[in-house]
């Protein structure tokens, strides 16, 4: 059912973006729920989550609700540090607004479907996939994971700054060093 284009379209999604309708959370379900009832319940939960305030924030950013979730999935792929997510979201929004490639390593890992990759190498960047943000401008057609609601909120409340580059800090803390230009990025 989740691979059925007619079902995805019924709820206003493409087959690639359909997964953005499903938000990780704890839900009460009964053993006898049908697949159709499950999808309808998830659609109702989606509509509850996307309240007027969140919809307005997405519109102000210039992204659809699905695009916000897709970007949140990339942010979540970049870091587990909650206090850094809004900054990373700002980097990607800056890149989108400037017409730059996102060059997000987690999208390449997703495109390759090799989740054991710890470091993305030049050879990995050759894959021809719309999920490869080193080759294709803009956001990929769908999420690379199911982003948590707090990550979606980090995108909606992204930090406004001038950073367009980031790389992992050398201290292995899991945090990133941010840069406004290629020179600073090279130093980092």
C-alpha atoms as a PDB file:
ATOM      1  CA  UNK A   1       0.000   0.000   0.000  1.00  0.00           C
ATOM      2  CA  UNK A   2       2.876   2.377   0.743  1.00  0.00           C
ATOM      3  CA  UNK A   3       4.229   1.771  -2.759  1.00  0.00           C
ATOM      4  CA  UNK A   4       0.854   2.466  -4.394  1.00  0.00           C
ATOM      5  CA  UNK A   5       0.985   5.751  -6.308  1.00  0.00           C
ATOM      6  CA  UNK A   6      -2.803   6.175  -6.259  1.00  0.00           C
ATOM      7  CA  UNK A   7      -2.836   5.924  -2.462  1.00  0.00           C
ATOM      8  CA  UNK A   8       0.012   8.438  -2.140  1.00  0.00           C
ATOM      9  CA  UNK A   9      -1.765  10.811  -4.520  1.00  0.00           C
ATOM     10  CA  UNK A  10      -5.020  10.453  -2.581  1.00  0.00           C
ATOM     11  CA  UNK A  11      -3.278  12.041   0.407  1.00  0.00           C
ATOM     12  CA  UNK A  12      -1.497  14.690  -1.658  1.00  0.00           C
ATOM     13  CA  UNK A  13       1.927  13.043  -1.944  1.00  0.00           C
ATOM     14  CA  UNK A  14       4.120  11.501  -4.587  1.00  0.00           C
ATOM     15  CA  UNK A  15       5.330   7.960  -4.088  1.00  0.00           C
ATOM     16  CA  UNK A  16       8.728   9.412  -3.061  1.00  0.00           C
ATOM     17  CA  UNK A  17       7.344  12.000  -0.625  1.00  0.00           C
ATOM     18  CA  UNK A  18       4.624   9.748   0.853  1.00  0.00           C
ATOM     19  CA  UNK A  19       6.904   8.762   3.744  1.00  0.00           C
ATOM     20  CA  UNK A  20       6.909  12.382   4.958  1.00  0.00           C
ATOM     21  CA  UNK A  21       3.349  11.789   6.135  1.00  0.00           C
ATOM     22  CA  UNK A  22       4.571   9.357   8.803  1.00  0.00           C
ATOM     23  CA  UNK A  23       5.925  10.995  11.956  1.00  0.00           C
ATOM     24  CA  UNK A  24       7.887   8.998  14.522  1.00  0.00           C
ATOM     25  CA  UNK A  25       5.924   9.009  17.735  1.00  0.00           C
ATOM     26  CA  UNK A  26       4.086   6.678  20.080  1.00  0.00           C
ATOM     27  CA  UNK A  27       0.620   5.829  18.813  1.00  0.00           C
ATOM     28  CA  UNK A  28      -2.105   3.631  20.226  1.00  0.00           C
ATOM     29  CA  UNK A  29      -2.948   0.950  17.672  1.00  0.00           C
ATOM     30  CA  UNK A  30      -4.977  -2.191  17.938  1.00  0.00           C
ATOM     31  CA  UNK A  31      -3.966  -5.518  16.445  1.00  0.00           C
ATOM     32  CA  UNK A  32      -6.887  -5.593  14.029  1.00  0.00           C
ATOM     33  CA  UNK A  33      -6.283  -2.236  12.332  1.00  0.00           C
ATOM     34  CA  UNK A  34      -6.315  -2.562   8.554  1.00  0.00           C
ATOM     35  CA  UNK A  35      -3.528  -1.089   6.421  1.00  0.00           C
ATOM     36  CA  UNK A  36      -6.010   1.478   5.077  1.00  0.00           C
ATOM     37  CA  UNK A  37      -7.074   2.451   8.609  1.00  0.00           C
ATOM     38  CA  UNK A  38      -3.440   2.726   9.645  1.00  0.00           C
ATOM     39  CA  UNK A  39      -2.677   5.113   6.783  1.00  0.00           C
ATOM     40  CA  UNK A  40      -5.801   7.149   7.569  1.00  0.00           C
ATOM     41  CA  UNK A  41      -4.746   7.388  11.231  1.00  0.00           C
ATOM     42  CA  UNK A  42      -1.260   8.525  10.229  1.00  0.00           C
ATOM     43  CA  UNK A  43      -2.801  11.136   7.913  1.00  0.00           C
ATOM     44  CA  UNK A  44      -4.893  12.471  10.805  1.00  0.00           C
ATOM     45  CA  UNK A  45      -1.787  12.596  13.037  1.00  0.00           C
ATOM     46  CA  UNK A  46       0.084  14.399  10.229  1.00  0.00           C
ATOM     47  CA  UNK A  47      -2.675  17.012   9.972  1.00  0.00           C
ATOM     48  CA  UNK A  48      -2.640  17.499  13.748  1.00  0.00           C
ATOM     49  CA  UNK A  49       1.127  17.995  13.751  1.00  0.00           C
ATOM     50  CA  UNK A  50       1.060  20.450  10.841  1.00  0.00           C
ATOM     51  CA  UNK A  51      -0.902  23.120  12.687  1.00  0.00           C
ATOM     52  CA  UNK A  52      -1.388  26.668  11.412  1.00  0.00           C
ATOM     53  CA  UNK A  53       1.841  27.918  13.018  1.00  0.00           C
ATOM     54  CA  UNK A  54       4.015  25.229  11.420  1.00  0.00           C
ATOM     55  CA  UNK A  55       2.341  25.628   8.024  1.00  0.00           C
ATOM     56  CA  UNK A  56       2.959  29.401   8.133  1.00  0.00           C
ATOM     57  CA  UNK A  57       6.621  28.871   9.033  1.00  0.00           C
ATOM     58  CA  UNK A  58       7.040  26.464   6.107  1.00  0.00           C
ATOM     59  CA  UNK A  59       5.424  28.989   3.765  1.00  0.00           C
ATOM     60  CA  UNK A  60       7.729  31.739   5.057  1.00  0.00           C
ATOM     61  CA  UNK A  61      10.769  29.562   4.341  1.00  0.00           C
ATOM     62  CA  UNK A  62       9.416  28.839   0.872  1.00  0.00           C
ATOM     63  CA  UNK A  63       9.243  25.069   1.309  1.00  0.00           C
ATOM     64  CA  UNK A  64       6.318  22.688   1.073  1.00  0.00           C
ATOM     65  CA  UNK A  65       5.524  20.567   4.129  1.00  0.00           C
ATOM     66  CA  UNK A  66       7.068  17.551   2.411  1.00  0.00           C
ATOM     67  CA  UNK A  67      10.213  19.567   1.591  1.00  0.00           C
ATOM     68  CA  UNK A  68      10.541  20.628   5.237  1.00  0.00           C
ATOM     69  CA  UNK A  69      10.432  16.961   6.258  1.00  0.00           C
ATOM     70  CA  UNK A  70      12.910  15.986   3.540  1.00  0.00           C
ATOM     71  CA  UNK A  71      15.315  18.686   4.731  1.00  0.00           C
ATOM     72  CA  UNK A  72      14.773  17.588   8.343  1.00  0.00           C
ATOM     73  CA  UNK A  73      15.689  14.040   7.359  1.00  0.00           C
ATOM     74  CA  UNK A  74      18.990  15.344   5.956  1.00  0.00           C
ATOM     75  CA  UNK A  75      19.674  17.458   9.054  1.00  0.00           C
ATOM     76  CA  UNK A  76      19.029  14.417  11.221  1.00  0.00           C
ATOM     77  CA  UNK A  77      21.388  12.408   9.033  1.00  0.00           C
ATOM     78  CA  UNK A  78      24.105  14.996   9.671  1.00  0.00           C
ATOM     79  CA  UNK A  79      23.924  15.185  13.444  1.00  0.00           C
ATOM     80  CA  UNK A  80      22.441  13.727  16.583  1.00  0.00           C
ATOM     81  CA  UNK A  81      23.186  16.971  18.430  1.00  0.00           C
ATOM     82  CA  UNK A  82      19.812  18.627  19.046  1.00  0.00           C
ATOM     83  CA  UNK A  83      21.452  21.981  19.844  1.00  0.00           C
ATOM     84  CA  UNK A  84      23.126  22.062  16.430  1.00  0.00           C
ATOM     85  CA  UNK A  85      20.184  21.075  14.218  1.00  0.00           C
ATOM     86  CA  UNK A  86      18.820  24.603  13.658  1.00  0.00           C
ATOM     87  CA  UNK A  87      22.311  25.789  12.646  1.00  0.00           C
ATOM     88  CA  UNK A  88      22.719  22.946  10.147  1.00  0.00           C
ATOM     89  CA  UNK A  89      19.230  23.601   8.803  1.00  0.00           C
ATOM     90  CA  UNK A  90      20.325  27.214   8.265  1.00  0.00           C
ATOM     91  CA  UNK A  91      23.363  26.060   6.261  1.00  0.00           C
ATOM     92  CA  UNK A  92      21.169  24.025   3.920  1.00  0.00           C
ATOM     93  CA  UNK A  93      18.559  26.746   3.575  1.00  0.00           C
ATOM     94  CA  UNK A  94      21.330  29.206   2.699  1.00  0.00           C
ATOM     95  CA  UNK A  95      22.611  26.789   0.063  1.00  0.00           C
ATOM     96  CA  UNK A  96      19.110  26.277  -1.362  1.00  0.00           C
ATOM     97  CA  UNK A  97      18.508  30.028  -1.481  1.00  0.00           C
ATOM     98  CA  UNK A  98      21.809  30.568  -3.332  1.00  0.00           C
ATOM     99  CA  UNK A  99      21.145  27.812  -5.847  1.00  0.00           C
ATOM    100  CA  UNK A 100      24.063  25.761  -4.552  1.00  0.00           C
ATOM    101  CA  UNK A 101      24.285  21.993  -4.422  1.00  0.00           C
ATOM    102  CA  UNK A 102      23.456  20.762  -0.914  1.00  0.00           C
ATOM    103  CA  UNK A 103      26.393  18.315  -0.969  1.00  0.00           C
ATOM    104  CA  UNK A 104      24.970  16.383   1.970  1.00  0.00           C
ATOM    105  CA  UNK A 105      26.867  13.177   2.693  1.00  0.00           C
ATOM    106  CA  UNK A 106      23.830  11.406   4.238  1.00  0.00           C
ATOM    107  CA  UNK A 107      21.984  11.666   0.908  1.00  0.00           C
ATOM    108  CA  UNK A 108      24.837   9.877  -0.853  1.00  0.00           C
ATOM    109  CA  UNK A 109      24.807   7.113   1.747  1.00  0.00           C
ATOM    110  CA  UNK A 110      21.051   6.776   1.204  1.00  0.00           C
ATOM    111  CA  UNK A 111      21.466   6.725  -2.587  1.00  0.00           C
ATOM    112  CA  UNK A 112      24.037   3.935  -2.271  1.00  0.00           C
ATOM    113  CA  UNK A 113      21.880   2.068   0.281  1.00  0.00           C
ATOM    114  CA  UNK A 114      25.078   1.177   2.117  1.00  0.00           C
ATOM    115  CA  UNK A 115      24.474   2.290   5.685  1.00  0.00           C
ATOM    116  CA  UNK A 116      27.819   0.908   6.845  1.00  0.00           C
ATOM    117  CA  UNK A 117      29.668   3.787   5.149  1.00  0.00           C
ATOM    118  CA  UNK A 118      31.363   5.845   7.837  1.00  0.00           C
ATOM    119  CA  UNK A 119      33.141   8.298   5.537  1.00  0.00           C
ATOM    120  CA  UNK A 120      31.851   9.356   2.125  1.00  0.00           C
ATOM    121  CA  UNK A 121      34.674   9.192  -0.412  1.00  0.00           C
ATOM    122  CA  UNK A 122      35.033  10.699  -3.890  1.00  0.00           C
ATOM    123  CA  UNK A 123      34.179   7.326  -5.465  1.00  0.00           C
ATOM    124  CA  UNK A 124      30.817   7.364  -3.669  1.00  0.00           C
ATOM    125  CA  UNK A 125      29.890  10.712  -5.217  1.00  0.00           C
ATOM    126  CA  UNK A 126      29.665   9.163  -8.705  1.00  0.00           C
ATOM    127  CA  UNK A 127      26.326   7.425  -8.123  1.00  0.00           C
ATOM    128  CA  UNK A 128      23.683   8.720 -10.514  1.00  0.00           C
ATOM    129  CA  UNK A 129      20.691   9.146  -8.233  1.00  0.00           C
ATOM    130  CA  UNK A 130      18.379  12.070  -7.556  1.00  0.00           C
ATOM    131  CA  UNK A 131      19.262  11.459  -3.913  1.00  0.00           C
ATOM    132  CA  UNK A 132      22.891  12.382  -4.662  1.00  0.00           C
ATOM    133  CA  UNK A 133      22.935  16.049  -3.661  1.00  0.00           C
ATOM    134  CA  UNK A 134      26.485  16.350  -4.978  1.00  0.00           C
ATOM    135  CA  UNK A 135      25.103  15.887  -8.523  1.00  0.00           C
ATOM    136  CA  UNK A 136      21.550  17.221  -8.385  1.00  0.00           C
ATOM    137  CA  UNK A 137      20.427  20.675  -7.259  1.00  0.00           C
ATOM    138  CA  UNK A 138      17.801  21.092  -4.602  1.00  0.00           C
ATOM    139  CA  UNK A 139      16.289  18.589  -2.263  1.00  0.00           C
ATOM    140  CA  UNK A 140      16.039  14.901  -3.102  1.00  0.00           C
ATOM    141  CA  UNK A 141      12.580  13.606  -4.103  1.00  0.00           C
ATOM    142  CA  UNK A 142      11.894  12.043  -0.713  1.00  0.00           C
ATOM    143  CA  UNK A 143      13.209  11.770   2.831  1.00  0.00           C
ATOM    144  CA  UNK A 144      16.302   9.729   3.621  1.00  0.00           C
ATOM    145  CA  UNK A 145      14.844   8.727   6.998  1.00  0.00           C
ATOM    146  CA  UNK A 146      11.777   9.466   9.123  1.00  0.00           C
ATOM    147  CA  UNK A 147      12.706  12.724  10.854  1.00  0.00           C
ATOM    148  CA  UNK A 148      11.674  13.315  14.446  1.00  0.00           C
ATOM    149  CA  UNK A 149       9.137  16.098  15.077  1.00  0.00           C
ATOM    150  CA  UNK A 150      11.775  18.127  16.954  1.00  0.00           C
ATOM    151  CA  UNK A 151      14.041  18.011  13.885  1.00  0.00           C
ATOM    152  CA  UNK A 152      11.192  19.253  11.705  1.00  0.00           C
ATOM    153  CA  UNK A 153      10.761  22.090  14.204  1.00  0.00           C
ATOM    154  CA  UNK A 154      14.508  22.815  14.010  1.00  0.00           C
ATOM    155  CA  UNK A 155      14.124  23.311  10.254  1.00  0.00           C
ATOM    156  CA  UNK A 156      11.044  25.490  10.717  1.00  0.00           C
ATOM    157  CA  UNK A 157      12.950  27.560  13.289  1.00  0.00           C
ATOM    158  CA  UNK A 158      16.298  27.390  11.515  1.00  0.00           C
ATOM    159  CA  UNK A 159      19.097  29.653  12.672  1.00  0.00           C
ATOM    160  CA  UNK A 160      19.606  32.635  10.416  1.00  0.00           C
ATOM    161  CA  UNK A 161      23.325  33.117   9.691  1.00  0.00           C
ATOM    162  CA  UNK A 162      25.726  33.409   6.749  1.00  0.00           C
ATOM    163  CA  UNK A 163      27.232  29.917   6.911  1.00  0.00           C
ATOM    164  CA  UNK A 164      27.273  27.902   3.687  1.00  0.00           C
ATOM    165  CA  UNK A 165      29.869  25.264   4.603  1.00  0.00           C
ATOM    166  CA  UNK A 166      30.330  22.816   7.441  1.00  0.00           C
ATOM    167  CA  UNK A 167      32.543  19.912   8.318  1.00  0.00           C
ATOM    168  CA  UNK A 168      32.933  17.647  11.316  1.00  0.00           C
ATOM    169  CA  UNK A 169      35.043  19.111  14.101  1.00  0.00           C
ATOM    170  CA  UNK A 170      38.410  17.445  14.519  1.00  0.00           C
ATOM    171  CA  UNK A 171      37.765  16.773  18.209  1.00  0.00           C
ATOM    172  CA  UNK A 172      35.413  13.837  17.431  1.00  0.00           C
ATOM    173  CA  UNK A 173      32.697  15.518  19.508  1.00  0.00           C
ATOM    174  CA  UNK A 174      30.081  14.983  16.823  1.00  0.00           C
ATOM    175  CA  UNK A 175      29.736  18.743  16.368  1.00  0.00           C
ATOM    176  CA  UNK A 176      30.504  20.729  13.233  1.00  0.00           C
ATOM    177  CA  UNK A 177      32.692  23.696  12.327  1.00  0.00           C
ATOM    178  CA  UNK A 178      30.830  26.227  10.175  1.00  0.00           C
ATOM    179  CA  UNK A 179      32.173  28.613   7.560  1.00  0.00           C
ATOM    180  CA  UNK A 180      30.911  31.554   5.521  1.00  0.00           C
ATOM    181  CA  UNK A 181      33.267  31.016   2.577  1.00  0.00           C
ATOM    182  CA  UNK A 182      35.585  28.467   0.982  1.00  0.00           C
ATOM    183  CA  UNK A 183      38.690  29.945   2.639  1.00  0.00           C
ATOM    184  CA  UNK A 184      37.254  29.483   6.145  1.00  0.00           C
ATOM    185  CA  UNK A 185      35.990  26.045   5.160  1.00  0.00           C
ATOM    186  CA  UNK A 186      39.480  25.060   3.986  1.00  0.00           C
ATOM    187  CA  UNK A 187      40.906  26.096   7.361  1.00  0.00           C
ATOM    188  CA  UNK A 188      38.253  24.045   9.165  1.00  0.00           C
END
